[in-house]
PDB file of N, CA and C in Angstrom:
ATOM      1  N   MET A   1      -3.587 208.822 373.793  1.00  0.00           N
ATOM      2  CA  MET A   1      -3.485 207.985 372.615  1.00  0.00           C
ATOM      3  C   MET A   1      -2.123 208.169 371.967  1.00  0.00           C
ATOM      4  N   ARG A   2      -1.652 207.105 371.439  1.00  0.00           N
ATOM      5  CA  ARG A   2      -0.365 207.157 370.758  1.00  0.00           C
ATOM      6  C   ARG A   2      -0.603 207.089 369.251  1.00  0.00           C
ATOM      7  N   SER A   3       0.160 207.813 368.539  1.00  0.00           N
ATOM      8  CA  SER A   3       0.053 207.772 367.083  1.00  0.00           C
ATOM      9  C   SER A   3       1.045 206.755 366.532  1.00  0.00           C
ATOM     10  N   ASP A   4       0.855 206.409 365.281  1.00  0.00           N
ATOM     11  CA  ASP A   4       1.750 205.452 364.638  1.00  0.00           C
ATOM     12  C   ASP A   4       3.183 205.961 364.563  1.00  0.00           C
ATOM     13  N   SER A   5       3.325 207.269 364.561  1.00  0.00           N
ATOM     14  CA  SER A   5       4.679 207.823 364.465  1.00  0.00           C
ATOM     15  C   SER A   5       5.487 207.529 365.727  1.00  0.00           C
ATOM     16  N   GLN A   6       4.792 207.292 366.861  1.00  0.00           N
ATOM     17  CA  GLN A   6       5.504 206.971 368.094  1.00  0.00           C
ATOM     18  C   GLN A   6       5.982 205.519 368.112  1.00  0.00           C
ATOM     19  N   HIS A   7       5.311 204.684 367.287  1.00  0.00           N
ATOM     20  CA  HIS A   7       5.678 203.273 367.206  1.00  0.00           C
ATOM     21  C   HIS A   7       5.940 202.918 365.749  1.00  0.00           C
ATOM     22  N   PRO A   8       7.104 203.213 365.266  1.00  0.00           N
ATOM     23  CA  PRO A   8       7.384 202.891 363.864  1.00  0.00           C
ATOM     24  C   PRO A   8       7.343 201.378 363.642  1.00  0.00           C
ATOM     25  N   LYS A   9       6.867 201.000 362.485  1.00  0.00           N
ATOM     26  CA  LYS A   9       6.773 199.578 362.154  1.00  0.00           C
ATOM     27  C   LYS A   9       8.153 199.018 361.886  1.00  0.00           C
ATOM     28  N   LYS A  10       8.321 197.809 362.321  1.00  0.00           N
ATOM     29  CA  LYS A  10       9.559 197.113 362.023  1.00  0.00           C
ATOM     30  C   LYS A  10       9.548 196.741 360.545  1.00  0.00           C
ATOM     31  N   GLU A  11      10.718 196.544 360.013  1.00  0.00           N
ATOM     32  CA  GLU A  11      10.819 196.221 358.594  1.00  0.00           C
ATOM     33  C   GLU A  11      10.019 194.975 358.237  1.00  0.00           C
ATOM     34  N   SER A  12      10.000 193.984 359.105  1.00  0.00           N
ATOM     35  CA  SER A  12       9.281 192.746 358.843  1.00  0.00           C
ATOM     36  C   SER A  12       7.764 192.935 358.924  1.00  0.00           C
ATOM     37  N   GLU A  13       7.294 193.984 359.587  1.00  0.00           N
ATOM     38  CA  GLU A  13       5.864 194.223 359.744  1.00  0.00           C
ATOM     39  C   GLU A  13       5.277 195.044 358.597  1.00  0.00           C
ATOM     40  N   GLU A  14       6.131 195.652 357.796  1.00  0.00           N
ATOM     41  CA  GLU A  14       5.624 196.476 356.711  1.00  0.00           C
ATOM     42  C   GLU A  14       4.898 195.599 355.706  1.00  0.00           C
ATOM     43  N   LYS A  15       3.764 196.112 355.242  1.00  0.00           N
ATOM     44  CA  LYS A  15       2.988 195.362 354.260  1.00  0.00           C
ATOM     45  C   LYS A  15       3.628 195.506 352.893  1.00  0.00           C
ATOM     46  N   LYS A  16       3.794 194.376 352.258  1.00  0.00           N
ATOM     47  CA  LYS A  16       4.319 194.367 350.912  1.00  0.00           C
ATOM     48  C   LYS A  16       3.170 194.021 349.974  1.00  0.00           C
ATOM     49  N   PRO A  17       3.141 194.634 348.813  1.00  0.00           N
ATOM     50  CA  PRO A  17       2.037 194.333 347.892  1.00  0.00           C
ATOM     51  C   PRO A  17       2.086 192.870 347.466  1.00  0.00           C
ATOM     52  N   TYR A  18       0.930 192.264 347.430  1.00  0.00           N
ATOM     53  CA  TYR A  18       0.826 190.866 347.031  1.00  0.00           C
ATOM     54  C   TYR A  18       0.468 190.822 345.553  1.00  0.00           C
ATOM     55  N   LYS A  19       1.221 190.091 344.795  1.00  0.00           N
ATOM     56  CA  LYS A  19       0.970 189.998 343.374  1.00  0.00           C
ATOM     57  C   LYS A  19       0.671 188.549 343.021  1.00  0.00           C
ATOM     58  N   LEU A  20      -0.503 188.327 342.426  1.00  0.00           N
ATOM     59  CA  LEU A  20      -0.870 186.986 342.002  1.00  0.00           C
ATOM     60  C   LEU A  20      -0.022 186.563 340.816  1.00  0.00           C
ATOM     61  N   LYS A  21       0.298 185.287 340.771  1.00  0.00           N
ATOM     62  CA  LYS A  21       1.011 184.763 339.613  1.00  0.00           C
ATOM     63  C   LYS A  21       0.052 184.794 338.430  1.00  0.00           C
ATOM     64  N   ARG A  22       0.566 185.191 337.289  1.00  0.00           N
ATOM     65  CA  ARG A  22      -0.239 185.266 336.080  1.00  0.00           C
ATOM     66  C   ARG A  22       0.276 184.260 335.062  1.00  0.00           C
ATOM     67  N   TYR A  23      -0.653 183.710 334.314  1.00  0.00           N
ATOM     68  CA  TYR A  23      -0.327 182.704 333.310  1.00  0.00           C
ATOM     69  C   TYR A  23      -0.776 183.177 331.933  1.00  0.00           C
ATOM     70  N   ARG A  24      -0.140 182.644 330.928  1.00  0.00           N
ATOM     71  CA  ARG A  24      -0.625 182.844 329.569  1.00  0.00           C
ATOM     72  C   ARG A  24      -1.781 181.886 329.347  1.00  0.00           C
ATOM     73  N   VAL A  25      -2.731 182.276 328.488  1.00  0.00           N
ATOM     74  CA  VAL A  25      -3.887 181.427 328.187  1.00  0.00           C
ATOM     75  C   VAL A  25      -3.989 181.286 326.669  1.00  0.00           C
ATOM     76  N   LYS A  26      -4.109 180.054 326.228  1.00  0.00           N
ATOM     77  CA  LYS A  26      -4.278 179.773 324.799  1.00  0.00           C
ATOM     78  C   LYS A  26      -5.756 179.572 324.511  1.00  0.00           C
ATOM     79  N   ILE A  27      -6.253 180.247 323.488  1.00  0.00           N
ATOM     80  CA  ILE A  27      -7.649 180.125 323.054  1.00  0.00           C
ATOM     81  C   ILE A  27      -7.652 179.432 321.700  1.00  0.00           C
ATOM     82  N   THR A  28      -8.410 178.337 321.586  1.00  0.00           N
ATOM     83  CA  THR A  28      -8.535 177.612 320.324  1.00  0.00           C
ATOM     84  C   THR A  28      -9.999 177.549 319.935  1.00  0.00           C
ATOM     85  N   VAL A  29     -10.306 177.866 318.683  1.00  0.00           N
ATOM     86  CA  VAL A  29     -11.674 177.710 318.176  1.00  0.00           C
ATOM     87  C   VAL A  29     -11.846 176.233 317.852  1.00  0.00           C
ATOM     88  N   LEU A  30     -12.745 175.562 318.585  1.00  0.00           N
ATOM     89  CA  LEU A  30     -12.966 174.131 318.360  1.00  0.00           C
ATOM     90  C   LEU A  30     -14.027 173.873 317.310  1.00  0.00           C
ATOM     91  N   LYS A  31     -15.113 174.624 317.410  1.00  0.00           N
ATOM     92  CA  LYS A  31     -16.250 174.323 316.533  1.00  0.00           C
ATOM     93  C   LYS A  31     -17.075 175.580 316.298  1.00  0.00           C
ATOM     94  N   VAL A  32     -17.528 175.721 315.075  1.00  0.00           N
ATOM     95  CA  VAL A  32     -18.491 176.759 314.734  1.00  0.00           C
ATOM     96  C   VAL A  32     -19.802 176.015 314.511  1.00  0.00           C
ATOM     97  N   SER A  33     -20.757 176.279 315.370  1.00  0.00           N
ATOM     98  CA  SER A  33     -21.985 175.494 315.401  1.00  0.00           C
ATOM     99  C   SER A  33     -23.111 176.152 314.602  1.00  0.00           C
ATOM    100  N   HIS A  34     -24.000 175.340 314.121  1.00  0.00           N
ATOM    101  CA  HIS A  34     -25.240 175.825 313.513  1.00  0.00           C
ATOM    102  C   HIS A  34     -26.363 174.936 314.030  1.00  0.00           C
ATOM    103  N   PRO A  35     -26.879 175.273 315.226  1.00  0.00           N
ATOM    104  CA  PRO A  35     -27.828 174.410 315.924  1.00  0.00           C
ATOM    105  C   PRO A  35     -29.174 174.243 315.231  1.00  0.00           C
ATOM    106  N   PHE A  36     -29.475 175.071 314.247  1.00  0.00           N
ATOM    107  CA  PHE A  36     -30.765 174.969 313.577  1.00  0.00           C
ATOM    108  C   PHE A  36     -30.650 174.311 312.218  1.00  0.00           C
ATOM    109  N   GLY A  37     -29.562 173.610 311.980  1.00  0.00           N
ATOM    110  CA  GLY A  37     -29.374 172.930 310.703  1.00  0.00           C
ATOM    111  C   GLY A  37     -29.283 173.926 309.567  1.00  0.00           C
ATOM    112  N   LYS A  38     -30.065 173.712 308.532  1.00  0.00           N
ATOM    113  CA  LYS A  38     -30.024 174.569 307.340  1.00  0.00           C
ATOM    114  C   LYS A  38     -31.051 175.694 307.400  1.00  0.00           C
ATOM    115  N   LYS A  39     -31.785 175.811 308.497  1.00  0.00           N
ATOM    116  CA  LYS A  39     -32.781 176.879 308.614  1.00  0.00           C
ATOM    117  C   LYS A  39     -32.079 178.237 308.601  1.00  0.00           C
ATOM    118  N   ARG A  40     -32.576 179.164 307.807  1.00  0.00           N
ATOM    119  CA  ARG A  40     -31.978 180.493 307.693  1.00  0.00           C
ATOM    120  C   ARG A  40     -32.834 181.499 308.454  1.00  0.00           C
ATOM    121  N   PHE A  41     -32.195 182.469 309.064  1.00  0.00           N
ATOM    122  CA  PHE A  41     -32.869 183.541 309.784  1.00  0.00           C
ATOM    123  C   PHE A  41     -32.569 184.862 309.087  1.00  0.00           C
ATOM    124  N   THR A  42     -33.396 185.842 309.353  1.00  0.00           N
ATOM    125  CA  THR A  42     -33.180 187.166 308.776  1.00  0.00           C
ATOM    126  C   THR A  42     -32.961 188.176 309.892  1.00  0.00           C
ATOM    127  N   ASP A  43     -32.273 189.276 309.556  1.00  0.00           N
ATOM    128  CA  ASP A  43     -32.105 190.351 310.526  1.00  0.00           C
ATOM    129  C   ASP A  43     -33.330 191.268 310.482  1.00  0.00           C
ATOM    130  N   VAL A  44     -33.302 192.344 311.223  1.00  0.00           N
ATOM    131  CA  VAL A  44     -34.470 193.232 311.313  1.00  0.00           C
ATOM    132  C   VAL A  44     -34.788 193.912 309.983  1.00  0.00           C
ATOM    133  N   ASN A  45     -33.830 193.929 309.063  1.00  0.00           N
ATOM    134  CA  ASN A  45     -34.051 194.528 307.739  1.00  0.00           C
ATOM    135  C   ASN A  45     -34.428 193.499 306.683  1.00  0.00           C
ATOM    136  N   GLY A  46     -34.608 192.242 307.108  1.00  0.00           N
ATOM    137  CA  GLY A  46     -35.017 191.201 306.184  1.00  0.00           C
ATOM    138  C   GLY A  46     -33.877 190.528 305.439  1.00  0.00           C
ATOM    139  N   ARG A  47     -32.625 190.867 305.750  1.00  0.00           N
ATOM    140  CA  ARG A  47     -31.488 190.235 305.086  1.00  0.00           C
ATOM    141  C   ARG A  47     -31.195 188.882 305.728  1.00  0.00           C
ATOM    142  N   LEU A  48     -30.869 187.909 304.900  1.00  0.00           N
ATOM    143  CA  LEU A  48     -30.540 186.574 305.410  1.00  0.00           C
ATOM    144  C   LEU A  48     -29.238 186.617 306.210  1.00  0.00           C
ATOM    145  N   LEU A  49     -29.263 185.960 307.363  1.00  0.00           N
ATOM    146  CA  LEU A  49     -28.051 185.816 308.177  1.00  0.00           C
ATOM    147  C   LEU A  49     -27.287 184.591 307.701  1.00  0.00           C
ATOM    148  N   PRO A  50     -25.969 184.591 307.854  1.00  0.00           N
ATOM    149  CA  PRO A  50     -25.199 183.410 307.433  1.00  0.00           C
ATOM    150  C   PRO A  50     -25.524 182.199 308.308  1.00  0.00           C
ATOM    151  N   LEU A  51     -25.285 181.013 307.751  1.00  0.00           N
ATOM    152  CA  LEU A  51     -25.519 179.781 308.516  1.00  0.00           C
ATOM    153  C   LEU A  51     -24.517 179.634 309.649  1.00  0.00           C
ATOM    154  N   GLU A  52     -23.291 180.071 309.441  1.00  0.00           N
ATOM    155  CA  GLU A  52     -22.238 179.951 310.444  1.00  0.00           C
ATOM    156  C   GLU A  52     -21.612 181.311 310.701  1.00  0.00           C
ATOM    157  N   CYS A  53     -20.870 181.408 311.786  1.00  0.00           N
ATOM    158  CA  CYS A  53     -20.150 182.628 312.121  1.00  0.00           C
ATOM    159  C   CYS A  53     -19.192 183.000 310.993  1.00  0.00           C
ATOM    160  N   ASP A  54     -19.194 184.252 310.626  1.00  0.00           N
ATOM    161  CA  ASP A  54     -18.311 184.737 309.560  1.00  0.00           C
ATOM    162  C   ASP A  54     -16.917 185.098 310.058  1.00  0.00           C
ATOM    163  N   TYR A  55     -16.680 185.073 311.368  1.00  0.00           N
ATOM    164  CA  TYR A  55     -15.441 185.592 311.929  1.00  0.00           C
ATOM    165  C   TYR A  55     -14.497 184.529 312.468  1.00  0.00           C
ATOM    166  N   CYS A  56     -15.048 183.487 313.050  1.00  0.00           N
ATOM    167  CA  CYS A  56     -14.219 182.449 313.681  1.00  0.00           C
ATOM    168  C   CYS A  56     -14.305 181.157 312.882  1.00  0.00           C
ATOM    169  N   PHE A  57     -13.171 180.465 312.794  1.00  0.00           N
ATOM    170  CA  PHE A  57     -13.099 179.216 312.054  1.00  0.00           C
ATOM    171  C   PHE A  57     -12.362 178.179 312.891  1.00  0.00           C
ATOM    172  N   PRO A  58     -12.787 176.905 312.837  1.00  0.00           N
ATOM    173  CA  PRO A  58     -12.115 175.871 313.620  1.00  0.00           C
ATOM    174  C   PRO A  58     -10.613 175.862 313.359  1.00  0.00           C
ATOM    175  N   GLY A  59      -9.849 175.711 314.433  1.00  0.00           N
ATOM    176  CA  GLY A  59      -8.403 175.666 314.344  1.00  0.00           C
ATOM    177  C   GLY A  59      -7.717 176.997 314.611  1.00  0.00           C
ATOM    178  N   MET A  60      -8.453 178.089 314.616  1.00  0.00           N
ATOM    179  CA  MET A  60      -7.834 179.382 314.933  1.00  0.00           C
ATOM    180  C   MET A  60      -7.311 179.334 316.357  1.00  0.00           C
ATOM    181  N   GLU A  61      -6.119 179.910 316.590  1.00  0.00           N
ATOM    182  CA  GLU A  61      -5.509 179.927 317.927  1.00  0.00           C
ATOM    183  C   GLU A  61      -5.030 181.333 318.259  1.00  0.00           C
ATOM    184  N   PHE A  62      -5.172 181.671 319.537  1.00  0.00           N
ATOM    185  CA  PHE A  62      -4.758 182.981 320.022  1.00  0.00           C
ATOM    186  C   PHE A  62      -4.133 182.802 321.393  1.00  0.00           C
ATOM    187  N   ILE A  63      -3.182 183.664 321.735  1.00  0.00           N
ATOM    188  CA  ILE A  63      -2.532 183.626 323.043  1.00  0.00           C
ATOM    189  C   ILE A  63      -2.835 184.921 323.781  1.00  0.00           C
ATOM    190  N   VAL A  64      -3.326 184.779 325.014  1.00  0.00           N
ATOM    191  CA  VAL A  64      -3.499 185.918 325.905  1.00  0.00           C
ATOM    192  C   VAL A  64      -2.241 185.953 326.766  1.00  0.00           C
ATOM    193  N   GLU A  65      -1.508 187.043 326.690  1.00  0.00           N
ATOM    194  CA  GLU A  65      -0.256 187.150 327.430  1.00  0.00           C
ATOM    195  C   GLU A  65      -0.516 187.279 328.933  1.00  0.00           C
ATOM    196  N   ALA A  66       0.480 186.915 329.724  1.00  0.00           N
ATOM    197  CA  ALA A  66       0.339 186.946 331.181  1.00  0.00           C
ATOM    198  C   ALA A  66       0.155 188.369 331.696  1.00  0.00           C
ATOM    199  N   GLU A  67       0.834 189.309 331.097  1.00  0.00           N
ATOM    200  CA  GLU A  67       0.710 190.710 331.516  1.00  0.00           C
ATOM    201  C   GLU A  67      -0.250 191.416 330.568  1.00  0.00           C
ATOM    202  N   GLY A  68      -1.007 192.337 331.098  1.00  0.00           N
ATOM    203  CA  GLY A  68      -1.914 193.109 330.268  1.00  0.00           C
ATOM    204  C   GLY A  68      -3.326 192.541 330.261  1.00  0.00           C
ATOM    205  N   TRP A  69      -4.231 193.305 329.701  1.00  0.00           N
ATOM    206  CA  TRP A  69      -5.663 192.956 329.728  1.00  0.00           C
ATOM    207  C   TRP A  69      -6.304 193.020 328.356  1.00  0.00           C
ATOM    208  N   LYS A  70      -5.505 193.189 327.321  1.00  0.00           N
ATOM    209  CA  LYS A  70      -6.048 193.421 325.996  1.00  0.00           C
ATOM    210  C   LYS A  70      -6.541 192.141 325.332  1.00  0.00           C
ATOM    211  N   ILE A  71      -7.456 192.345 324.403  1.00  0.00           N
ATOM    212  CA  ILE A  71      -7.902 191.264 323.534  1.00  0.00           C
ATOM    213  C   ILE A  71      -6.682 190.789 322.742  1.00  0.00           C
ATOM    214  N   PRO A  72      -6.517 189.479 322.542  1.00  0.00           N
ATOM    215  CA  PRO A  72      -5.333 189.006 321.824  1.00  0.00           C
ATOM    216  C   PRO A  72      -5.297 189.544 320.387  1.00  0.00           C
ATOM    217  N   GLU A  73      -4.110 189.797 319.916  1.00  0.00           N
ATOM    218  CA  GLU A  73      -3.961 190.320 318.564  1.00  0.00           C
ATOM    219  C   GLU A  73      -4.570 189.347 317.557  1.00  0.00           C
ATOM    220  N   GLY A  74      -5.391 189.879 316.672  1.00  0.00           N
ATOM    221  CA  GLY A  74      -6.014 189.073 315.631  1.00  0.00           C
ATOM    222  C   GLY A  74      -7.313 188.392 316.034  1.00  0.00           C
ATOM    223  N   PHE A  75      -7.706 188.508 317.308  1.00  0.00           N
ATOM    224  CA  PHE A  75      -8.968 187.876 317.722  1.00  0.00           C
ATOM    225  C   PHE A  75     -10.100 188.545 316.946  1.00  0.00           C
ATOM    226  N   PRO A  76     -10.906 187.766 316.231  1.00  0.00           N
ATOM    227  CA  PRO A  76     -11.798 188.356 315.234  1.00  0.00           C
ATOM    228  C   PRO A  76     -13.113 188.951 315.725  1.00  0.00           C
ATOM    229  N   CYS A  77     -13.554 188.653 316.930  1.00  0.00           N
ATOM    230  CA  CYS A  77     -14.911 189.062 317.319  1.00  0.00           C
ATOM    231  C   CYS A  77     -14.928 189.634 318.737  1.00  0.00           C
ATOM    232  N   SER A  78     -15.219 190.920 318.839  1.00  0.00           N
ATOM    233  CA  SER A  78     -15.253 191.553 320.160  1.00  0.00           C
ATOM    234  C   SER A  78     -16.407 191.031 321.009  1.00  0.00           C
ATOM    235  N   TRP A  79     -17.501 190.598 320.386  1.00  0.00           N
ATOM    236  CA  TRP A  79     -18.630 190.037 321.150  1.00  0.00           C
ATOM    237  C   TRP A  79     -18.231 188.711 321.783  1.00  0.00           C
ATOM    238  N   ALA A  80     -17.565 187.862 321.020  1.00  0.00           N
ATOM    239  CA  ALA A  80     -17.106 186.571 321.568  1.00  0.00           C
ATOM    240  C   ALA A  80     -16.096 186.808 322.678  1.00  0.00           C
ATOM    241  N   TRP A  81     -15.193 187.778 322.486  1.00  0.00           N
ATOM    242  CA  TRP A  81     -14.204 188.093 323.517  1.00  0.00           C
ATOM    243  C   TRP A  81     -14.905 188.500 324.801  1.00  0.00           C
ATOM    244  N   ASP A  82     -15.916 189.326 324.697  1.00  0.00           N
ATOM    245  CA  ASP A  82     -16.655 189.755 325.877  1.00  0.00           C
ATOM    246  C   ASP A  82     -17.304 188.563 326.590  1.00  0.00           C
ATOM    247  N   ASP A  83     -17.767 187.592 325.817  1.00  0.00           N
ATOM    248  CA  ASP A  83     -18.407 186.404 326.402  1.00  0.00           C
ATOM    249  C   ASP A  83     -17.416 185.501 327.130  1.00  0.00           C
ATOM    250  N   ILE A  84     -16.199 185.354 326.627  1.00  0.00           N
ATOM    251  CA  ILE A  84     -15.249 184.415 327.228  1.00  0.00           C
ATOM    252  C   ILE A  84     -14.249 185.090 328.160  1.00  0.00           C
ATOM    253  N   TYR A  85     -14.261 186.416 328.218  1.00  0.00           N
ATOM    254  CA  TYR A  85     -13.266 187.187 328.970  1.00  0.00           C
ATOM    255  C   TYR A  85     -13.175 186.770 330.442  1.00  0.00           C
ATOM    256  N   LYS A  86     -14.301 186.595 331.106  1.00  0.00           N
ATOM    257  CA  LYS A  86     -14.268 186.252 332.538  1.00  0.00           C
ATOM    258  C   LYS A  86     -13.615 184.890 332.770  1.00  0.00           C
ATOM    259  N   SER A  87     -13.833 183.945 331.873  1.00  0.00           N
ATOM    260  CA  SER A  87     -13.205 182.629 332.005  1.00  0.00           C
ATOM    261  C   SER A  87     -11.708 182.709 331.720  1.00  0.00           C
ATOM    262  N   VAL A  88     -11.332 183.541 330.747  1.00  0.00           N
ATOM    263  CA  VAL A  88      -9.915 183.736 330.440  1.00  0.00           C
ATOM    264  C   VAL A  88      -9.199 184.337 331.655  1.00  0.00           C
ATOM    265  N   LEU A  89      -9.802 185.359 332.262  1.00  0.00           N
ATOM    266  CA  LEU A  89      -9.194 185.978 333.451  1.00  0.00           C
ATOM    267  C   LEU A  89      -9.070 184.992 334.599  1.00  0.00           C
ATOM    268  N   HIS A  90     -10.101 184.179 334.793  1.00  0.00           N
ATOM    269  CA  HIS A  90     -10.084 183.173 335.857  1.00  0.00           C
ATOM    270  C   HIS A  90      -8.866 182.254 335.679  1.00  0.00           C
ATOM    271  N   MET A  91      -8.643 181.792 334.452  1.00  0.00           N
ATOM    272  CA  MET A  91      -7.504 180.912 334.181  1.00  0.00           C
ATOM    273  C   MET A  91      -6.186 181.679 334.239  1.00  0.00           C
ATOM    274  N   LYS A  92      -6.196 182.922 333.801  1.00  0.00           N
ATOM    275  CA  LYS A  92      -4.980 183.735 333.783  1.00  0.00           C
ATOM    276  C   LYS A  92      -4.395 183.899 335.184  1.00  0.00           C
ATOM    277  N   PHE A  93      -5.256 183.954 336.191  1.00  0.00           N
ATOM    278  CA  PHE A  93      -4.793 184.125 337.561  1.00  0.00           C
ATOM    279  C   PHE A  93      -4.749 182.807 338.332  1.00  0.00           C
ATOM    280  N   GLY A  94      -4.713 181.679 337.594  1.00  0.00           N
ATOM    281  CA  GLY A  94      -4.513 180.376 338.215  1.00  0.00           C
ATOM    282  C   GLY A  94      -5.777 179.672 338.667  1.00  0.00           C
ATOM    283  N   GLY A  95      -6.932 180.216 338.326  1.00  0.00           N
ATOM    284  CA  GLY A  95      -8.191 179.587 338.722  1.00  0.00           C
ATOM    285  C   GLY A  95      -8.403 178.250 338.032  1.00  0.00           C
ATOM    286  N   GLU A  96      -9.172 177.405 338.668  1.00  0.00           N
ATOM    287  CA  GLU A  96      -9.485 176.096 338.124  1.00  0.00           C
ATOM    288  C   GLU A  96     -10.995 175.937 338.043  1.00  0.00           C
ATOM    289  N   PHE A  97     -11.432 175.099 337.136  1.00  0.00           N
ATOM    290  CA  PHE A  97     -12.856 174.781 336.987  1.00  0.00           C
ATOM    291  C   PHE A  97     -13.082 173.361 337.481  1.00  0.00           C
ATOM    292  N   PRO A  98     -14.277 173.034 337.947  1.00  0.00           N
ATOM    293  CA  PRO A  98     -14.524 171.713 338.535  1.00  0.00           C
ATOM    294  C   PRO A  98     -14.220 170.543 337.597  1.00  0.00           C
ATOM    295  N   HIS A  99     -14.427 170.710 336.307  1.00  0.00           N
ATOM    296  CA  HIS A  99     -14.258 169.602 335.379  1.00  0.00           C
ATOM    297  C   HIS A  99     -12.969 169.689 334.560  1.00  0.00           C
ATOM    298  N   GLY A 100     -12.085 170.587 334.905  1.00  0.00           N
ATOM    299  CA  GLY A 100     -10.809 170.672 334.201  1.00  0.00           C
ATOM    300  C   GLY A 100      -9.909 171.692 334.860  1.00  0.00           C
ATOM    301  N   LYS A 101      -8.767 171.276 335.320  1.00  0.00           N
ATOM    302  CA  LYS A 101      -7.908 172.183 336.070  1.00  0.00           C
ATOM    303  C   LYS A 101      -7.164 173.161 335.158  1.00  0.00           C
ATOM    304  N   LYS A 102      -6.725 172.708 334.002  1.00  0.00           N
ATOM    305  CA  LYS A 102      -5.963 173.584 333.112  1.00  0.00           C
ATOM    306  C   LYS A 102      -6.669 173.846 331.793  1.00  0.00           C
ATOM    307  N   GLU A 103      -7.801 173.206 331.568  1.00  0.00           N
ATOM    308  CA  GLU A 103      -8.550 173.382 330.329  1.00  0.00           C
ATOM    309  C   GLU A 103     -10.011 173.655 330.635  1.00  0.00           C
ATOM    310  N   PHE A 104     -10.642 174.385 329.736  1.00  0.00           N
ATOM    311  CA  PHE A 104     -12.054 174.712 329.927  1.00  0.00           C
ATOM    312  C   PHE A 104     -12.679 174.962 328.567  1.00  0.00           C
ATOM    313  N   LEU A 105     -13.871 174.442 328.361  1.00  0.00           N
ATOM    314  CA  LEU A 105     -14.621 174.705 327.139  1.00  0.00           C
ATOM    315  C   LEU A 105     -15.681 175.758 327.438  1.00  0.00           C
ATOM    316  N   THR A 106     -15.809 176.713 326.545  1.00  0.00           N
ATOM    317  CA  THR A 106     -16.795 177.776 326.693  1.00  0.00           C
ATOM    318  C   THR A 106     -17.268 178.180 325.305  1.00  0.00           C
ATOM    319  N   CYS A 107     -18.265 179.022 325.240  1.00  0.00           N
ATOM    320  CA  CYS A 107     -18.743 179.448 323.927  1.00  0.00           C
ATOM    321  C   CYS A 107     -19.237 180.884 323.985  1.00  0.00           C
ATOM    322  N   CYS A 108     -19.370 181.468 322.804  1.00  0.00           N
ATOM    323  CA  CYS A 108     -19.951 182.806 322.736  1.00  0.00           C
ATOM    324  C   CYS A 108     -21.474 182.650 322.832  1.00  0.00           C
ATOM    325  N   THR A 109     -22.162 183.724 323.047  1.00  0.00           N
ATOM    326  CA  THR A 109     -23.602 183.664 323.279  1.00  0.00           C
ATOM    327  C   THR A 109     -24.432 183.998 322.045  1.00  0.00           C
ATOM    328  N   ASP A 110     -23.843 183.854 320.877  1.00  0.00           N
ATOM    329  CA  ASP A 110     -24.604 184.045 319.643  1.00  0.00           C
ATOM    330  C   ASP A 110     -25.528 182.841 319.486  1.00  0.00           C
ATOM    331  N   GLY A 111     -26.794 183.051 319.688  1.00  0.00           N
ATOM    332  CA  GLY A 111     -27.753 181.947 319.673  1.00  0.00           C
ATOM    333  C   GLY A 111     -28.001 181.345 318.311  1.00  0.00           C
ATOM    334  N   ILE A 112     -27.724 182.079 317.245  1.00  0.00           N
ATOM    335  CA  ILE A 112     -27.943 181.567 315.896  1.00  0.00           C
ATOM    336  C   ILE A 112     -26.769 180.713 315.428  1.00  0.00           C
ATOM    337  N   HIS A 113     -25.546 181.159 315.686  1.00  0.00           N
ATOM    338  CA  HIS A 113     -24.363 180.378 315.315  1.00  0.00           C
ATOM    339  C   HIS A 113     -23.266 180.536 316.359  1.00  0.00           C
ATOM    340  N   PRO A 114     -23.410 179.828 317.498  1.00  0.00           N
ATOM    341  CA  PRO A 114     -22.394 179.920 318.556  1.00  0.00           C
ATOM    342  C   PRO A 114     -21.068 179.277 318.148  1.00  0.00           C
ATOM    343  N   VAL A 115     -20.007 179.800 318.739  1.00  0.00           N
ATOM    344  CA  VAL A 115     -18.661 179.278 318.503  1.00  0.00           C
ATOM    345  C   VAL A 115     -18.156 178.697 319.821  1.00  0.00           C
ATOM    346  N   ILE A 116     -17.589 177.498 319.757  1.00  0.00           N
ATOM    347  CA  ILE A 116     -17.085 176.826 320.948  1.00  0.00           C
ATOM    348  C   ILE A 116     -15.568 177.014 321.012  1.00  0.00           C
ATOM    349  N   PHE A 117     -15.107 177.486 322.172  1.00  0.00           N
ATOM    350  CA  PHE A 117     -13.695 177.774 322.389  1.00  0.00           C
ATOM    351  C   PHE A 117     -13.130 176.844 323.459  1.00  0.00           C
ATOM    352  N   LYS A 118     -11.874 176.460 323.277  1.00  0.00           N
ATOM    353  CA  LYS A 118     -11.126 175.726 324.308  1.00  0.00           C
ATOM    354  C   LYS A 118     -10.105 176.679 324.881  1.00  0.00           C
ATOM    355  N   LEU A 119     -10.101 176.824 326.205  1.00  0.00           N
ATOM    356  CA  LEU A 119      -9.134 177.658 326.907  1.00  0.00           C
ATOM    357  C   LEU A 119      -8.143 176.746 327.607  1.00  0.00           C
ATOM    358  N   GLU A 120      -6.849 177.044 327.481  1.00  0.00           N
ATOM    359  CA  GLU A 120      -5.805 176.255 328.124  1.00  0.00           C
ATOM    360  C   GLU A 120      -4.855 177.193 328.862  1.00  0.00           C
ATOM    361  N   ARG A 121      -4.637 176.918 330.131  1.00  0.00           N
ATOM    362  CA  ARG A 121      -3.645 177.679 330.880  1.00  0.00           C
ATOM    363  C   ARG A 121      -2.259 177.125 330.559  1.00  0.00           C
ATOM    364  N   LEU A 122      -1.370 178.002 330.168  1.00  0.00           N
ATOM    365  CA  LEU A 122      -0.003 177.599 329.820  1.00  0.00           C
ATOM    366  C   LEU A 122       0.899 177.862 331.009  1.00  0.00           C
ATOM    367  N   ASP A 123       1.523 176.836 331.546  1.00  0.00           N
ATOM    368  CA  ASP A 123       2.333 176.965 332.754  1.00  0.00           C
ATOM    369  C   ASP A 123       3.788 177.311 332.462  1.00  0.00           C
ATOM    370  N   GLU A 124       4.135 177.585 331.248  1.00  0.00           N
ATOM    371  CA  GLU A 124       5.526 177.886 330.894  1.00  0.00           C
ATOM    372  C   GLU A 124       5.928 179.230 331.448  1.00  0.00           C
TER     373      GLU A 124
END
């Protein structure tokens, strides 16, 4: 048997690390929903919950930078970030969705007052 040391790889055969192109992603809060109208719910301690999300407001915008994995500065809700993170990563690495190549609508999973987000891949 011959070892690799007996057959050194040619320079062209050496494996080079493959790096995916990364994009910036813009997150816009489109709508703060209240699917139950004016009906109020209480938490486990009997306190009334707000009708709408207290953290996100329509028109808020955030940029996810191409490098790094952190939540965007100023993003108000870690639960919402966790819900949309996989879609943000998909777009960050150039992924496309069937109904929109550079844009995607998603929402957080708060069933009482969900927030709808628009994700846009920035090609700059």
